[in-house]
Protein backbone atom coordinates (compact mmCIF):
# COMPACT_ATOMS: atom_id res chain seq x y z
CA MET A 1 28.19 -10.91 13.63
CA PRO A 2 25.21 -9.17 12.08
CA THR A 3 24.14 -6.10 12.99
CA ASN A 4 20.57 -5.26 14.78
CA ARG A 5 19.49 -3.36 11.39
CA LEU A 6 20.58 -6.46 9.47
CA VAL A 7 18.51 -8.89 11.84
CA VAL A 8 15.40 -6.34 11.36
CA LYS A 9 16.06 -6.30 7.80
CA GLU A 10 16.13 -10.10 7.50
CA GLU A 11 13.02 -10.57 9.88
CA VAL A 12 10.77 -8.33 7.47
CA ALA A 13 11.97 -9.97 4.54
CA THR A 14 11.09 -13.32 6.37
CA TYR A 15 7.56 -12.12 7.16
CA ALA A 16 6.84 -10.66 3.73
CA ALA A 17 8.21 -13.77 2.00
CA VAL A 18 5.93 -16.06 4.23
CA MET A 19 2.90 -13.87 3.84
CA PHE A 20 3.48 -13.70 0.02
CA ASP A 21 4.22 -17.51 -0.32
CA SER A 22 1.31 -18.69 2.00
CA ALA A 23 -1.16 -16.29 0.24
CA ASN A 24 0.19 -17.15 -3.28
CA GLY A 25 -0.42 -20.90 -2.43
CA ALA A 26 -3.67 -20.69 -0.63
CA GLY A 27 -5.45 -18.54 -3.25
CA GLY A 28 -3.17 -17.62 -6.26
CA GLN A 29 -2.98 -13.87 -7.22
CA ASP A 30 -6.47 -13.01 -5.93
CA ALA A 31 -5.23 -13.80 -2.54
CA VAL A 32 -1.94 -12.16 -2.61
CA MET A 33 -3.94 -8.81 -3.90
CA GLU A 34 -6.40 -9.40 -0.95
CA VAL A 35 -3.58 -9.64 1.71
CA ARG A 36 -1.95 -6.47 0.04
CA ASP A 37 -5.24 -4.67 0.14
CA GLN A 38 -6.16 -5.92 3.66
CA MET A 39 -2.58 -4.82 4.80
CA GLU A 40 -2.87 -1.24 3.16
CA GLU A 41 -6.12 -0.80 4.89
CA VAL A 42 -4.41 -1.95 8.48
CA LEU A 43 -1.95 0.13 8.22
CA ARG A 44 -4.19 3.36 7.53
CA VAL A 45 -6.31 2.37 10.56
CA MET A 46 -2.94 1.43 12.79
CA ASN A 47 -1.78 4.98 11.73
CA ALA A 48 -5.25 6.63 13.03
CA ASP A 49 -5.24 4.49 16.19
CA MET A 50 -2.36 4.66 18.25
CA ASP A 51 -3.88 2.63 20.85
CA LEU A 52 -4.00 -0.25 18.60
CA SER A 53 -0.27 0.07 17.39
CA GLN A 54 1.10 0.39 20.91
CA ALA A 55 -1.46 -2.26 21.97
CA LEU A 56 0.22 -4.89 19.33
CA SER A 57 3.95 -3.81 20.23
CA ASN A 58 3.30 -3.36 23.90
CA LEU A 59 5.90 -5.51 25.76
CA ASP A 60 3.94 -4.75 29.06
CA TYR A 61 1.53 -7.68 27.69
CA THR A 62 2.59 -11.30 27.37
CA PRO A 63 3.37 -12.58 24.00
CA GLN A 64 0.39 -14.73 23.96
CA GLN A 65 -2.03 -11.47 24.92
CA ARG A 66 -0.26 -9.88 21.96
CA HIS A 67 -0.95 -12.79 19.49
CA ASP A 68 -4.58 -13.26 20.86
CA LEU A 69 -5.26 -9.37 20.33
CA ALA A 70 -3.83 -9.22 16.94
CA LYS A 71 -6.09 -12.68 16.08
CA ALA A 72 -9.08 -10.97 17.53
CA VAL A 73 -8.69 -7.60 15.93
CA PHE A 74 -7.76 -8.88 12.48
CA ALA A 75 -10.19 -12.18 12.61
CA ASP A 76 -11.92 -10.85 9.52
CA CYS A 77 -9.09 -10.35 7.38
CA ASN A 78 -7.43 -13.04 5.15
CA PRO A 79 -6.27 -16.03 7.39
CA VAL A 80 -2.48 -15.81 6.37
CA PHE A 81 -2.52 -12.02 7.16
CA THR A 82 -4.05 -12.68 10.43
CA GLU A 83 -1.86 -15.54 11.27
CA VAL A 84 1.68 -13.58 10.36
CA VAL A 85 0.25 -10.21 11.89
CA ALA A 86 -0.22 -12.36 15.25
CA VAL A 87 3.35 -13.61 15.24
CA MET A 88 4.61 -10.31 14.53
CA ALA A 89 2.52 -9.21 17.38
CA GLU A 90 3.61 -12.12 19.68
CA ARG A 91 7.08 -11.33 19.06
CA GLY A 92 6.83 -7.40 19.49
CA ASN A 93 7.43 -6.98 15.70
CA ALA A 94 4.19 -5.35 14.84
CA SER A 95 5.71 -1.96 14.20
CA LEU A 96 7.72 -3.40 11.36
CA LEU A 97 4.10 -3.82 9.47
CA PRO A 98 4.99 -0.66 7.18
CA ARG A 99 8.33 -2.30 6.29
CA VAL A 100 6.71 -5.60 5.36
CA TYR A 101 4.26 -4.09 3.48
CA GLU A 102 7.11 -2.57 1.39
CA ALA A 103 8.79 -6.07 1.09
CA TYR A 104 5.44 -7.51 0.18
CA GLY A 105 5.31 -5.37 -2.88
CA GLU A 106 8.74 -6.52 -3.89
CA GLU A 107 7.52 -10.22 -3.55
CA LEU A 108 4.77 -9.19 -5.81
CA SER A 109 6.97 -7.51 -8.51
CA SER A 110 9.60 -10.40 -8.32
CA LYS A 111 7.66 -13.47 -8.14
CA LEU A 112 4.54 -12.35 -10.11
CA ASP A 113 6.13 -9.72 -12.12
CA LEU A 114 3.05 -7.65 -11.54
CA CYS A 115 2.71 -4.08 -10.13
CA VAL A 116 -0.32 -2.55 -8.44
CA VAL A 117 -1.05 0.89 -10.10
CA ASP A 118 -3.43 2.84 -8.17
CA VAL A 119 -5.70 5.07 -10.31
CA THR A 120 -7.93 7.94 -8.87
CA THR A 121 -10.48 9.59 -11.12
CA ALA A 122 -13.51 11.87 -10.92
CA VAL A 123 -15.71 9.43 -12.57
CA ALA A 124 -15.37 5.95 -13.40
CA LEU A 125 -13.12 4.73 -15.96
CA ASP A 126 -14.82 2.98 -19.02
CA ASP A 127 -12.92 -0.03 -20.90
CA ASN A 128 -11.49 1.68 -23.21
CA LEU A 129 -9.64 4.16 -21.12
CA ARG A 130 -8.68 1.24 -18.80
CA THR A 131 -7.35 -0.66 -21.44
CA LEU A 132 -5.00 2.43 -22.51
CA ILE A 133 -3.91 3.19 -18.90
CA THR A 134 -2.87 -0.67 -18.69
CA ARG A 135 -0.93 -0.94 -22.01
CA LYS A 136 0.86 2.63 -21.16
CA ALA A 137 1.88 1.14 -17.58
CA GLU A 138 2.81 -2.09 -18.79
CA ALA A 139 5.03 -0.32 -21.53
CA ASP A 140 6.43 2.05 -19.05
CA LEU A 141 7.08 -0.15 -16.03
CA GLY A 142 7.89 -3.62 -18.12
CA LYS A 143 5.50 -5.51 -15.74
CA LYS A 144 2.08 -6.97 -15.57
CA ILE A 145 -0.43 -4.36 -14.35
CA VAL A 146 -3.35 -4.57 -11.65
CA LEU A 147 -5.46 -1.63 -11.74
CA ARG A 148 -6.84 -0.30 -8.56
CA GLU A 149 -9.38 2.11 -9.48
CA ARG A 150 -10.99 4.97 -6.87
CA ILE A 151 -13.30 7.50 -7.71
CA ASP A 152 -12.59 11.15 -6.02
CA LYS A 153 -15.01 13.63 -7.11
CA SER A 154 -12.98 16.33 -5.19
CA ILE A 155 -10.63 16.35 -8.20
CA LEU A 156 -12.92 17.35 -10.50
CA GLY A 157 -11.63 15.62 -13.40
CA GLY A 158 -8.20 14.35 -14.98
CA ILE A 159 -6.03 11.60 -13.29
CA ILE A 160 -3.89 10.59 -10.37
CA MET A 161 -1.85 7.65 -10.96
CA SER A 162 0.69 5.98 -8.16
CA ALA A 163 2.93 3.03 -8.52
CA ASN A 164 6.20 1.79 -6.81
CA GLY A 165 5.82 4.66 -4.69
CA LYS A 166 5.97 7.26 -7.49
CA ARG A 167 2.91 9.61 -8.03
CA ILE A 168 1.78 11.60 -10.91
CA ASP A 169 -1.06 14.12 -10.45
CA ALA A 170 -3.00 15.27 -13.38
CA SER A 171 -5.88 16.24 -11.30
CA MET A 172 -7.85 19.28 -12.42
CA VAL A 173 -7.42 20.78 -8.88
CA SER A 174 -3.96 20.29 -8.94
CA GLN A 175 -3.63 22.09 -12.32
CA LEU A 176 -5.92 24.85 -11.21
CA THR A 177 -3.63 25.23 -8.12
CA ASN A 178 -0.26 25.19 -10.14
CA ALA A 179 -2.31 27.80 -12.47
CA ARG A 180 -3.41 30.06 -9.37
CA GLN A 181 0.42 29.88 -7.85
CA VAL A 182 2.17 30.83 -11.39
CA LEU A 183 -0.34 33.74 -11.48
CA LYS A 184 0.32 34.90 -8.09
CA ASP A 185 4.26 34.86 -8.56
CA THR A 186 3.97 36.36 -11.92
CA SER A 187 4.55 39.86 -11.93
CA ASP A 188 5.37 41.83 -15.01
CA GLY A 189 4.23 45.29 -13.66
CA GLY A 190 1.12 45.93 -15.33
CA GLU A 191 -2.46 45.05 -15.81
CA CYS A 192 -3.31 42.42 -18.41
């Protein structure tokens, strides 16, 4: 007899697979990426708005009320995403969405041989740098790469890259912070 943990793992895998396959069937890679981006944004919103998170999982509401709430809240999202989240809410599984997001990324990797690399810079990337980053990431990861670019002037310069839960921070802010820490920790007993 399967344990509760195995049942939950299977539910998560099923939600992710249904969401991925439906998005891919409806609009190919573009729809798959749209659903991924929307799921990421919804997770940010749900982390910031605990009332929404709790309402979608609240067993005091009927399954139909939770379903209708999810459909109304996420009406502007991709229909595939909206429908799967509504079913999750109906079944009291909306709290599994972070795990579904991770499993969705695994589906993206295994079925499309694709990896999303988030790149943050202080200024927009030019075509040459974009090509260089893409080729290097493809060589390192052995997969096709989709770059998601973001501009954040607060990093001052350099680059922050993340993929598959790993992050490389080569921003000026982090380098200055590291240099400040080294200088603070270094004590040679004398003046420079």
